[in-house]
């Protein structure tokens, strides 16, 4: 069940491999699905 289905990740300018970009998007998506508080989302991504 995808709650975030109405959101789309947009990578504007990245100096990293395609694989790394996908990993970053996946990580951010997991954080957004798991947490509602901004600092918790940021903490998850930093890990």
C-alpha atoms as a PDB file:
ATOM      1  CA  UNK A   1       0.000   0.000   0.000  1.00  0.00           C
ATOM      2  CA  UNK A   2       1.639   3.210  -1.146  1.00  0.00           C
ATOM      3  CA  UNK A   3       0.451   6.220   0.780  1.00  0.00           C
ATOM      4  CA  UNK A   4       2.896   8.517  -0.985  1.00  0.00           C
ATOM      5  CA  UNK A   5       1.729   7.585  -4.481  1.00  0.00           C
ATOM      6  CA  UNK A   6       0.808  11.202  -5.272  1.00  0.00           C
ATOM      7  CA  UNK A   7       4.383  12.392  -4.713  1.00  0.00           C
ATOM      8  CA  UNK A   8       7.193  12.184  -7.222  1.00  0.00           C
ATOM      9  CA  UNK A   9      10.909  12.502  -6.596  1.00  0.00           C
ATOM     10  CA  UNK A  10      12.617  15.052  -8.814  1.00  0.00           C
ATOM     11  CA  UNK A  11      16.398  14.971  -9.093  1.00  0.00           C
ATOM     12  CA  UNK A  12      17.407  18.300 -10.595  1.00  0.00           C
ATOM     13  CA  UNK A  13      21.197  18.237 -10.649  1.00  0.00           C
ATOM     14  CA  UNK A  14      23.247  15.471  -9.110  1.00  0.00           C
ATOM     15  CA  UNK A  15      26.935  14.695  -9.336  1.00  0.00           C
ATOM     16  CA  UNK A  16      26.458  11.029  -8.491  1.00  0.00           C
ATOM     17  CA  UNK A  17      25.814   7.758 -10.253  1.00  0.00           C
ATOM     18  CA  UNK A  18      22.330   6.717 -11.316  1.00  0.00           C
ATOM     19  CA  UNK A  19      22.468   3.889  -8.777  1.00  0.00           C
ATOM     20  CA  UNK A  20      23.375   6.272  -5.957  1.00  0.00           C
ATOM     21  CA  UNK A  21      20.536   8.598  -6.966  1.00  0.00           C
ATOM     22  CA  UNK A  22      18.075   5.699  -6.815  1.00  0.00           C
ATOM     23  CA  UNK A  23      19.409   4.702  -3.386  1.00  0.00           C
ATOM     24  CA  UNK A  24      18.963   8.282  -2.167  1.00  0.00           C
ATOM     25  CA  UNK A  25      15.377   8.421  -3.435  1.00  0.00           C
ATOM     26  CA  UNK A  26      14.610   5.040  -1.852  1.00  0.00           C
ATOM     27  CA  UNK A  27      16.079   6.167   1.471  1.00  0.00           C
ATOM     28  CA  UNK A  28      14.084   9.401   1.449  1.00  0.00           C
ATOM     29  CA  UNK A  29      10.897   7.558   0.483  1.00  0.00           C
ATOM     30  CA  UNK A  30      11.300   5.128   3.382  1.00  0.00           C
ATOM     31  CA  UNK A  31      11.845   8.029   5.781  1.00  0.00           C
ATOM     32  CA  UNK A  32       8.744   9.848   4.540  1.00  0.00           C
ATOM     33  CA  UNK A  33       6.624   6.703   4.893  1.00  0.00           C
ATOM     34  CA  UNK A  34       7.897   5.948   8.386  1.00  0.00           C
ATOM     35  CA  UNK A  35       8.025   9.398  10.010  1.00  0.00           C
ATOM     36  CA  UNK A  36       5.861  12.505  10.139  1.00  0.00           C
ATOM     37  CA  UNK A  37       8.191  14.809  12.059  1.00  0.00           C
ATOM     38  CA  UNK A  38      10.772  16.620   9.954  1.00  0.00           C
ATOM     39  CA  UNK A  39      13.694  16.023  12.328  1.00  0.00           C
ATOM     40  CA  UNK A  40      12.925  12.280  12.448  1.00  0.00           C
ATOM     41  CA  UNK A  41      12.873  12.146   8.641  1.00  0.00           C
ATOM     42  CA  UNK A  42      16.216  13.983   8.524  1.00  0.00           C
ATOM     43  CA  UNK A  43      17.732  11.672  11.156  1.00  0.00           C
ATOM     44  CA  UNK A  44      16.682   8.603   9.148  1.00  0.00           C
ATOM     45  CA  UNK A  45      18.229   9.968   5.962  1.00  0.00           C
ATOM     46  CA  UNK A  46      21.485  10.892   7.751  1.00  0.00           C
ATOM     47  CA  UNK A  47      21.894   7.271   8.864  1.00  0.00           C
END
